[in-house]
Protein backbone atom coordinates (compact mmCIF):
# COMPACT_ATOMS: atom_id res chain seq x y z
CA MET A 1 153.25 -42.56 5.42
CA GLN A 2 150.10 -44.18 6.22
CA GLU A 3 149.80 -46.47 3.31
CA THR A 4 152.85 -48.12 4.15
CA VAL A 5 151.90 -48.89 7.40
CA ALA A 6 148.31 -50.05 6.30
CA ALA A 7 150.88 -52.27 3.33
CA ALA A 8 152.84 -54.13 6.60
CA VAL A 9 149.99 -54.71 8.61
CA PRO A 10 148.93 -58.80 7.13
CA ARG A 11 145.83 -59.45 6.32
CA PRO A 12 143.75 -62.26 7.34
CA SER A 13 143.05 -64.55 4.25
CA ARG A 14 139.74 -64.73 2.56
CA GLN A 15 140.55 -68.71 1.58
CA VAL A 16 139.72 -71.84 4.29
CA SER A 17 142.47 -74.20 5.50
CA ALA A 18 143.46 -76.43 2.37
CA GLY A 19 144.86 -78.86 5.02
CA LEU A 20 141.23 -78.83 6.68
CA LEU A 21 140.12 -78.84 3.49
CA TYR A 22 141.55 -81.33 1.81
CA GLY A 23 141.12 -83.65 4.23
CA LEU A 24 137.32 -83.08 4.85
CA ARG A 25 137.14 -84.32 0.47
CA ILE A 26 139.01 -86.77 1.13
CA VAL A 27 136.77 -88.75 4.91
CA VAL A 28 133.92 -87.53 2.41
CA VAL A 29 134.78 -89.27 -0.63
CA ALA A 30 135.41 -91.97 2.34
CA GLN A 31 131.78 -92.12 3.15
CA ALA A 32 130.46 -91.97 -0.17
CA ALA A 33 132.95 -95.16 -0.92
CA SER A 34 132.20 -96.77 2.65
CA LEU A 35 128.38 -96.15 2.08
CA LEU A 36 127.93 -97.77 -1.50
CA VAL A 37 129.92 -101.06 -0.07
CA ALA A 38 127.29 -101.19 2.54
CA ALA A 39 124.48 -100.92 -0.06
CA SER A 40 125.88 -103.29 -1.83
CA LEU A 41 126.13 -105.99 0.94
CA ALA A 42 122.52 -105.20 1.70
CA GLY A 43 121.58 -105.93 -1.51
CA GLN A 44 123.64 -108.89 -1.48
CA ALA A 45 122.31 -110.40 1.62
CA VAL A 46 118.37 -109.79 1.77
CA GLY A 47 118.62 -113.64 -0.71
CA ALA A 48 121.64 -115.02 1.41
CA GLY A 49 123.27 -116.04 4.55
CA GLU A 50 124.40 -114.76 7.57
CA ALA A 51 127.60 -114.32 6.24
CA MET A 52 126.50 -111.37 3.95
CA ARG A 53 124.47 -110.14 6.98
CA GLU A 54 127.37 -110.38 9.14
CA ALA A 55 129.59 -108.29 6.06
CA HIS A 56 126.81 -105.95 6.07
CA VAL A 57 126.98 -104.88 9.58
CA MET A 58 130.59 -105.00 9.95
CA ALA A 59 130.61 -102.20 6.77
CA GLY A 60 128.32 -100.42 8.14
CA MET A 61 130.75 -99.66 11.53
CA VAL A 62 133.41 -98.60 9.20
CA VAL A 63 130.35 -96.09 7.95
CA HIS A 64 130.00 -94.79 11.60
CA LEU A 65 133.82 -94.88 11.89
CA VAL A 66 134.00 -92.61 9.20
CA ALA A 67 131.16 -90.22 10.14
CA LEU A 68 132.45 -89.77 13.17
CA VAL A 69 136.15 -88.14 11.90
CA GLN A 70 133.83 -86.17 9.18
CA VAL A 71 132.30 -84.56 11.88
CA VAL A 72 135.48 -83.87 14.03
CA LEU A 73 136.80 -82.04 10.49
CA ALA A 74 133.77 -80.46 9.71
CA VAL A 75 133.61 -78.94 12.54
CA LEU A 76 137.27 -77.82 12.06
CA VAL A 77 136.17 -76.60 8.98
CA TRP A 78 133.47 -74.55 10.36
CA ARG A 79 134.48 -73.07 13.47
CA PRO A 80 138.67 -72.48 13.37
CA GLY A 81 138.32 -72.81 9.52
CA ARG A 82 136.11 -69.77 9.01
CA GLY A 83 133.74 -72.08 6.40
CA ALA A 84 130.11 -72.83 6.33
CA GLY A 85 128.54 -74.27 8.97
CA TRP A 86 125.85 -76.82 7.33
CA PRO A 87 128.47 -79.46 6.82
CA ALA A 88 129.03 -80.05 10.16
CA LEU A 89 125.37 -80.08 10.82
CA ALA A 90 125.28 -82.77 7.50
CA SER A 91 127.84 -84.53 9.67
CA VAL A 92 125.79 -85.13 12.70
CA ALA A 93 122.85 -85.43 10.70
CA LEU A 94 124.52 -88.32 8.91
CA LEU A 95 126.13 -89.69 11.94
CA LEU A 96 122.96 -90.22 13.76
CA VAL A 97 120.66 -92.07 10.46
CA GLY A 98 124.05 -94.07 10.13
CA MET A 99 123.21 -94.80 13.88
CA ALA A 100 119.63 -95.19 13.57
CA GLN A 101 120.73 -98.04 10.68
CA HIS A 102 121.40 -100.26 13.51
CA VAL A 103 118.05 -99.81 15.28
CA THR A 104 116.41 -100.44 12.53
CA TRP A 105 117.56 -103.33 10.78
CA LEU A 106 114.18 -105.63 11.61
CA TRP A 107 112.42 -102.72 10.21
CA LEU A 108 113.05 -102.90 6.69
CA GLY A 109 109.68 -99.76 5.83
CA ALA A 110 112.81 -97.40 8.55
CA HIS A 111 115.63 -99.00 7.58
CA VAL A 112 115.45 -98.43 3.32
CA PRO A 113 114.13 -94.71 3.72
CA ASN A 114 117.55 -93.83 6.34
CA GLY A 115 119.65 -95.40 3.79
CA VAL A 116 118.24 -92.86 0.79
CA VAL A 117 118.85 -90.35 3.20
CA LEU A 118 122.08 -91.27 3.91
CA PHE A 119 123.48 -91.51 0.42
CA GLY A 120 121.32 -87.87 -0.09
CA LEU A 121 123.19 -86.11 2.72
CA ILE A 122 126.81 -87.88 1.52
CA THR A 123 125.95 -86.48 -2.16
CA ALA A 124 125.45 -83.37 -0.44
CA MET A 125 128.61 -82.88 1.06
CA LEU A 126 130.25 -84.73 -2.14
CA VAL A 127 128.99 -81.96 -4.40
CA TRP A 128 130.08 -79.40 -1.67
CA THR A 129 133.38 -79.76 -0.98
CA TRP A 130 134.96 -80.74 -4.37
CA SER A 131 132.92 -77.10 -4.50
CA PRO A 132 135.01 -74.13 -5.15
CA ARG A 133 132.45 -72.71 -2.65
CA ALA A 134 133.85 -74.84 -0.08
CA ALA A 135 137.28 -73.15 0.41
CA VAL A 136 135.67 -69.41 0.91
CA ARG A 137 135.51 -68.07 4.38
CA ARG A 138 132.40 -66.46 5.88
């Protein structure tokens, strides 16, 4: 009798919501692509005119917009989805370091290392979001 009652009670899933995780994966890929475009435009803007610099700034704006969406999705995967919490912190760091890029654009001694930090964080996010461990609840 007790076995049938226990079998009738649904057990919580051990998986993070597939929709939230898939959304985070797509946004992380978009973030990596936008960072690559911004870095490519930065390299071209060094010897080029004003138009290339403005294109680099616009690409940076796209990086900020995607980073903001990434923060929201990472928090949703973490809190309601009960996934890992470090991607939410890394996403906030990506947003803040990306914003620091706008402040430090005149100081290449700070701007370039910040860009390297951005690439390191997004690489970690890419590896984690596409790994099987990302779908496991904590």
